[in-house]
Amino acid sequence: MRILGIDPGLQIAGFGVVDMDGQDLRYVASGTIKTTHLERSDLPGRLKVLFDGVREVVQRYQPDSASVEIVFVNVNPQATLLLGQARGACVTALVSSDLAVAEYTALQMKKAVAGYGKAGKAEVQQMVMRLLKLPALPGKDAADALGLAITHAHAGRSAALLSAAATLSPKSSASYKAGRHY
């Protein structure tokens, strides 16, 4: 199974792709999608870059499922809202590509990867490098994305069964009067 991890960010979003064969994980790719070339005030343009970038990653690597970090509430409400919009663009790109999306908090990812929920970025980078047998440290955003993919892989068969059950399909019940419901 091929898993795509996304670490959403409005300026830099990380992505990481791993293959899982039984208990074995193999690195496929990682990188970032950057919006820093656009004006900070161009929120719609930046969201489009994120959406298009995630869609391109999905087309290139053909993952079977995806995992995305859940946004935490920041001290700065404006920053939280902007990050939430970036995350929304990433999740929408994944769902519009017909991928099942699992969501994990940073704490869950750090615990799964480093064994400690309050691990720092450097610790996550080191553990991702070790777990995937990489020759060098991945970048911080890519390491977090790879960590999310590893977390999803470690979630095991239960998560896969839940993802399959949550696949979007229209409800055909007569109780739905208008529109399409998923």
C-alpha atoms as a PDB file:
ATOM      1  CA  MET A   1       0.000   0.000   0.000  1.00  0.00           C
ATOM      2  CA  ARG A   2       1.297   3.468  -0.880  1.00  0.00           C
ATOM      3  CA  ILE A   3       0.611   6.223   1.668  1.00  0.00           C
ATOM      4  CA  LEU A   4       0.873   9.979   1.152  1.00  0.00           C
ATOM      5  CA  GLY A   5       1.411  12.203   4.181  1.00  0.00           C
ATOM      6  CA  ILE A   6       0.673  15.937   4.036  1.00  0.00           C
ATOM      7  CA  ASP A   7       1.911  18.503   6.562  1.00  0.00           C
ATOM      8  CA  PRO A   8      -0.223  21.525   5.646  1.00  0.00           C
ATOM      9  CA  GLY A   9       1.142  25.035   5.767  1.00  0.00           C
ATOM     10  CA  LEU A  10       0.183  28.247   4.014  1.00  0.00           C
ATOM     11  CA  GLN A  11       3.748  29.134   3.015  1.00  0.00           C
ATOM     12  CA  ILE A  12       5.245  25.637   2.871  1.00  0.00           C
ATOM     13  CA  ALA A  13       3.341  22.350   2.845  1.00  0.00           C
ATOM     14  CA  GLY A  14       5.340  19.160   3.197  1.00  0.00           C
ATOM     15  CA  PHE A  15       4.562  15.882   1.459  1.00  0.00           C
ATOM     16  CA  GLY A  16       5.956  12.415   1.971  1.00  0.00           C
ATOM     17  CA  VAL A  17       5.236   9.116   0.241  1.00  0.00           C
ATOM     18  CA  VAL A  18       6.010   5.674   1.657  1.00  0.00           C
ATOM     19  CA  ASP A  19       5.225   2.151   0.529  1.00  0.00           C
ATOM     20  CA  MET A  20       4.094  -0.373   3.126  1.00  0.00           C
ATOM     21  CA  ASP A  21       4.581  -4.088   2.494  1.00  0.00           C
ATOM     22  CA  GLY A  22       3.453  -5.987   5.579  1.00  0.00           C
ATOM     23  CA  GLN A  23       5.425  -4.363   8.401  1.00  0.00           C
ATOM     24  CA  ASP A  24       8.134  -3.005   6.084  1.00  0.00           C
ATOM     25  CA  LEU A  25       8.190   0.658   5.105  1.00  0.00           C
ATOM     26  CA  ARG A  26      10.057   1.982   2.093  1.00  0.00           C
ATOM     27  CA  TYR A  27      10.719   5.615   1.232  1.00  0.00           C
ATOM     28  CA  VAL A  28       9.332   6.700  -2.149  1.00  0.00           C
ATOM     29  CA  ALA A  29       9.501  10.503  -2.234  1.00  0.00           C
ATOM     30  CA  SER A  30       9.199  13.693  -0.216  1.00  0.00           C
ATOM     31  CA  GLY A  31       9.337  17.411  -0.707  1.00  0.00           C
ATOM     32  CA  THR A  32       7.509  20.674  -0.269  1.00  0.00           C
ATOM     33  CA  ILE A  33       4.909  22.772  -2.019  1.00  0.00           C
ATOM     34  CA  LYS A  34       5.761  26.451  -1.595  1.00  0.00           C
ATOM     35  CA  THR A  35       3.614  29.533  -1.972  1.00  0.00           C
ATOM     36  CA  THR A  36       6.357  31.985  -0.984  1.00  0.00           C
ATOM     37  CA  HIS A  37       6.652  33.269  -4.559  1.00  0.00           C
ATOM     38  CA  LEU A  38       3.210  34.882  -4.213  1.00  0.00           C
ATOM     39  CA  GLU A  39       2.262  37.977  -2.255  1.00  0.00           C
ATOM     40  CA  ARG A  40       1.227  37.201   1.322  1.00  0.00           C
ATOM     41  CA  SER A  41      -2.045  39.042   0.670  1.00  0.00           C
ATOM     42  CA  ASP A  42      -2.944  36.725  -2.247  1.00  0.00           C
ATOM     43  CA  LEU A  43      -4.700  34.075  -0.161  1.00  0.00           C
ATOM     44  CA  PRO A  44      -6.802  32.648  -3.028  1.00  0.00           C
ATOM     45  CA  GLY A  45      -3.697  32.307  -5.203  1.00  0.00           C
ATOM     46  CA  ARG A  46      -1.757  30.590  -2.434  1.00  0.00           C
ATOM     47  CA  LEU A  47      -4.619  28.164  -1.757  1.00  0.00           C
ATOM     48  CA  LYS A  48      -4.741  27.331  -5.475  1.00  0.00           C
ATOM     49  CA  VAL A  49      -0.988  26.592  -5.496  1.00  0.00           C
ATOM     50  CA  LEU A  50      -1.494  24.207  -2.555  1.00  0.00           C
ATOM     51  CA  PHE A  51      -4.510  22.531  -4.160  1.00  0.00           C
ATOM     52  CA  ASP A  52      -2.770  22.122  -7.529  1.00  0.00           C
ATOM     53  CA  GLY A  53       0.473  20.989  -5.881  1.00  0.00           C
ATOM     54  CA  VAL A  54      -1.211  18.257  -3.853  1.00  0.00           C
ATOM     55  CA  ARG A  55      -3.126  17.100  -6.941  1.00  0.00           C
ATOM     56  CA  GLU A  56       0.167  16.916  -8.871  1.00  0.00           C
ATOM     57  CA  VAL A  57       1.791  14.842  -6.107  1.00  0.00           C
ATOM     58  CA  VAL A  58      -1.210  12.478  -6.131  1.00  0.00           C
ATOM     59  CA  GLN A  59      -1.033  12.105  -9.929  1.00  0.00           C
ATOM     60  CA  ARG A  60       2.722  11.503  -9.897  1.00  0.00           C
ATOM     61  CA  TYR A  61       2.912   8.970  -7.039  1.00  0.00           C
ATOM     62  CA  GLN A  62      -0.563   7.357  -7.163  1.00  0.00           C
ATOM     63  CA  PRO A  63      -1.044   6.760  -3.411  1.00  0.00           C
ATOM     64  CA  ASP A  64      -3.714   4.400  -2.098  1.00  0.00           C
ATOM     65  CA  SER A  65      -4.486   6.557   0.940  1.00  0.00           C
ATOM     66  CA  ALA A  66      -3.474   9.810   2.560  1.00  0.00           C
ATOM     67  CA  SER A  67      -2.926  11.252   6.017  1.00  0.00           C
ATOM     68  CA  VAL A  68      -3.017  14.896   7.026  1.00  0.00           C
ATOM     69  CA  GLU A  69      -2.098  16.689  10.215  1.00  0.00           C
ATOM     70  CA  ILE A  70      -4.991  18.105  12.204  1.00  0.00           C
ATOM     71  CA  VAL A  71      -4.611  21.832  12.835  1.00  0.00           C
ATOM     72  CA  PHE A  72      -4.126  22.803  16.453  1.00  0.00           C
ATOM     73  CA  VAL A  73      -5.552  25.991  17.922  1.00  0.00           C
ATOM     74  CA  ASN A  74      -2.757  28.533  17.979  1.00  0.00           C
ATOM     75  CA  VAL A  75      -2.307  31.517  20.303  1.00  0.00           C
ATOM     76  CA  ASN A  76      -2.910  33.731  17.266  1.00  0.00           C
ATOM     77  CA  PRO A  77      -6.471  33.140  15.984  1.00  0.00           C
ATOM     78  CA  GLN A  78      -5.680  34.718  12.594  1.00  0.00           C
ATOM     79  CA  ALA A  79      -2.769  32.298  12.050  1.00  0.00           C
ATOM     80  CA  THR A  80      -5.023  29.388  13.036  1.00  0.00           C
ATOM     81  CA  LEU A  81      -7.672  30.467  10.509  1.00  0.00           C
ATOM     82  CA  LEU A  82      -5.102  30.814   7.725  1.00  0.00           C
ATOM     83  CA  LEU A  83      -3.569  27.417   8.513  1.00  0.00           C
ATOM     84  CA  GLY A  84      -7.056  25.906   8.558  1.00  0.00           C
ATOM     85  CA  GLN A  85      -7.694  27.258   5.072  1.00  0.00           C
ATOM     86  CA  ALA A  86      -4.388  25.815   3.831  1.00  0.00           C
ATOM     87  CA  ARG A  87      -5.299  22.469   5.375  1.00  0.00           C
ATOM     88  CA  GLY A  88      -8.731  22.664   3.733  1.00  0.00           C
ATOM     89  CA  ALA A  89      -7.153  23.191   0.313  1.00  0.00           C
ATOM     90  CA  CYS A  90      -4.910  20.152   0.859  1.00  0.00           C
ATOM     91  CA  VAL A  91      -7.728  17.910   2.112  1.00  0.00           C
ATOM     92  CA  THR A  92     -10.007  19.019  -0.735  1.00  0.00           C
ATOM     93  CA  ALA A  93      -7.288  18.175  -3.263  1.00  0.00           C
ATOM     94  CA  LEU A  94      -6.938  14.692  -1.742  1.00  0.00           C
ATOM     95  CA  VAL A  95     -10.672  14.012  -1.567  1.00  0.00           C
ATOM     96  CA  SER A  96     -11.225  15.316  -5.105  1.00  0.00           C
ATOM     97  CA  SER A  97      -8.601  12.754  -6.165  1.00  0.00           C
ATOM     98  CA  ASP A  98     -10.781  10.014  -4.614  1.00  0.00           C
ATOM     99  CA  LEU A  99      -8.375   9.270  -1.764  1.00  0.00           C
ATOM    100  CA  ALA A 100      -9.419   8.189   1.693  1.00  0.00           C
ATOM    101  CA  VAL A 101      -7.965  10.709   4.164  1.00  0.00           C
ATOM    102  CA  ALA A 102      -6.920   9.891   7.728  1.00  0.00           C
ATOM    103  CA  GLU A 103      -6.208  12.685  10.187  1.00  0.00           C
ATOM    104  CA  TYR A 104      -3.674  12.723  13.018  1.00  0.00           C
ATOM    105  CA  THR A 105      -2.586  15.342  15.511  1.00  0.00           C
ATOM    106  CA  ALA A 106       1.051  16.402  15.737  1.00  0.00           C
ATOM    107  CA  LEU A 107       1.125  14.708  19.151  1.00  0.00           C
ATOM    108  CA  GLN A 108      -0.066  11.387  17.664  1.00  0.00           C
ATOM    109  CA  MET A 109       2.507  11.607  14.866  1.00  0.00           C
ATOM    110  CA  LYS A 110       5.381  12.428  17.201  1.00  0.00           C
ATOM    111  CA  LYS A 111       4.413   9.605  19.559  1.00  0.00           C
ATOM    112  CA  ALA A 112       4.184   7.100  16.683  1.00  0.00           C
ATOM    113  CA  VAL A 113       7.488   8.175  15.125  1.00  0.00           C
ATOM    114  CA  ALA A 114       9.676   9.279  18.034  1.00  0.00           C
ATOM    115  CA  GLY A 115       7.907   7.518  20.914  1.00  0.00           C
ATOM    116  CA  TYR A 116       7.327  10.840  22.663  1.00  0.00           C
ATOM    117  CA  GLY A 117       4.425  13.185  21.918  1.00  0.00           C
ATOM    118  CA  LYS A 118       6.418  16.342  22.618  1.00  0.00           C
ATOM    119  CA  ALA A 119       9.409  15.431  20.445  1.00  0.00           C
ATOM    120  CA  GLY A 120      11.038  18.341  18.636  1.00  0.00           C
ATOM    121  CA  LYS A 121      11.395  18.789  14.887  1.00  0.00           C
ATOM    122  CA  ALA A 122      15.009  17.563  14.989  1.00  0.00           C
ATOM    123  CA  GLU A 123      13.985  14.374  16.809  1.00  0.00           C
ATOM    124  CA  VAL A 124      11.247  13.700  14.244  1.00  0.00           C
ATOM    125  CA  GLN A 125      13.751  14.250  11.423  1.00  0.00           C
ATOM    126  CA  GLN A 126      16.232  11.814  13.025  1.00  0.00           C
ATOM    127  CA  MET A 127      13.634   9.106  13.594  1.00  0.00           C
ATOM    128  CA  VAL A 128      12.147   9.429  10.102  1.00  0.00           C
ATOM    129  CA  MET A 129      15.664   9.107   8.688  1.00  0.00           C
ATOM    130  CA  ARG A 130      16.261   5.965  10.770  1.00  0.00           C
ATOM    131  CA  LEU A 131      12.867   4.346  10.174  1.00  0.00           C
ATOM    132  CA  LEU A 132      13.070   4.845   6.402  1.00  0.00           C
ATOM    133  CA  LYS A 133      16.848   4.215   6.205  1.00  0.00           C
ATOM    134  CA  LEU A 134      17.467   7.548   4.488  1.00  0.00           C
ATOM    135  CA  PRO A 135      21.060   8.626   3.741  1.00  0.00           C
ATOM    136  CA  ALA A 136      20.461  12.125   5.179  1.00  0.00           C
ATOM    137  CA  LEU A 137      17.961  14.103   7.214  1.00  0.00           C
ATOM    138  CA  PRO A 138      14.824  15.107   5.326  1.00  0.00           C
ATOM    139  CA  GLY A 139      13.734  18.754   5.549  1.00  0.00           C
ATOM    140  CA  LYS A 140      11.518  19.675   8.510  1.00  0.00           C
ATOM    141  CA  ASP A 141       8.254  19.928   6.567  1.00  0.00           C
ATOM    142  CA  ALA A 142       8.978  16.790   4.522  1.00  0.00           C
ATOM    143  CA  ALA A 143       9.956  14.921   7.720  1.00  0.00           C
ATOM    144  CA  ASP A 144       6.632  15.812   9.342  1.00  0.00           C
ATOM    145  CA  ALA A 145       4.778  14.646   6.218  1.00  0.00           C
ATOM    146  CA  LEU A 146       6.745  11.385   6.137  1.00  0.00           C
ATOM    147  CA  GLY A 147       5.986  11.042   9.857  1.00  0.00           C
ATOM    148  CA  LEU A 148       2.268  11.329   9.101  1.00  0.00           C
ATOM    149  CA  ALA A 149       2.578   8.619   6.441  1.00  0.00           C
ATOM    150  CA  ILE A 150       4.471   6.399   8.908  1.00  0.00           C
ATOM    151  CA  THR A 151       1.824   7.072  11.576  1.00  0.00           C
ATOM    152  CA  HIS A 152      -0.891   5.984   9.170  1.00  0.00           C
ATOM    153  CA  ALA A 153       1.069   2.849   8.282  1.00  0.00           C
ATOM    154  CA  HIS A 154       1.445   2.045  11.998  1.00  0.00           C
ATOM    155  CA  ALA A 155      -2.270   2.539  12.537  1.00  0.00           C
ATOM    156  CA  GLY A 156      -2.531  -0.841  10.856  1.00  0.00           C
ATOM    157  CA  ARG A 157      -5.339  -2.835   9.407  1.00  0.00           C
ATOM    158  CA  SER A 158      -8.009  -1.159  11.560  1.00  0.00           C
ATOM    159  CA  ALA A 159      -7.380   2.223   9.930  1.00  0.00           C
ATOM    160  CA  ALA A 160      -7.464   0.644   6.482  1.00  0.00           C
ATOM    161  CA  LEU A 161     -10.811  -0.980   7.235  1.00  0.00           C
ATOM    162  CA  LEU A 162     -12.190   2.291   8.600  1.00  0.00           C
ATOM    163  CA  SER A 163     -10.935   4.189   5.560  1.00  0.00           C
ATOM    164  CA  ALA A 164     -12.580   1.683   3.231  1.00  0.00           C
ATOM    165  CA  ALA A 165     -15.844   2.011   5.142  1.00  0.00           C
ATOM    166  CA  ALA A 166     -15.639   5.807   4.968  1.00  0.00           C
ATOM    167  CA  THR A 167     -15.170   5.926   1.204  1.00  0.00           C
ATOM    168  CA  LEU A 168     -17.484   8.525  -0.271  1.00  0.00           C
ATOM    169  CA  SER A 169     -20.560   7.043  -1.854  1.00  0.00           C
ATOM    170  CA  PRO A 170     -23.951   8.608  -2.453  1.00  0.00           C
ATOM    171  CA  LYS A 171     -26.754   7.573  -0.101  1.00  0.00           C
ATOM    172  CA  SER A 172     -29.770   6.265  -1.981  1.00  0.00           C
ATOM    173  CA  SER A 173     -32.272   6.305   0.877  1.00  0.00           C
ATOM    174  CA  ALA A 174     -35.660   7.846   0.172  1.00  0.00           C
ATOM    175  CA  SER A 175     -35.238   9.923   3.339  1.00  0.00           C
ATOM    176  CA  TYR A 176     -32.878  12.233   1.435  1.00  0.00           C
ATOM    177  CA  LYS A 177     -35.188  14.671  -0.291  1.00  0.00           C
ATOM    178  CA  ALA A 178     -32.858  16.803  -2.407  1.00  0.00           C
ATOM    179  CA  GLY A 179     -29.254  17.031  -3.447  1.00  0.00           C
ATOM    180  CA  ARG A 180     -26.479  14.494  -3.083  1.00  0.00           C
ATOM    181  CA  HIS A 181     -25.482  13.348   0.377  1.00  0.00           C
ATOM    182  CA  TYR A 182     -22.287  11.533   1.223  1.00  0.00           C
END
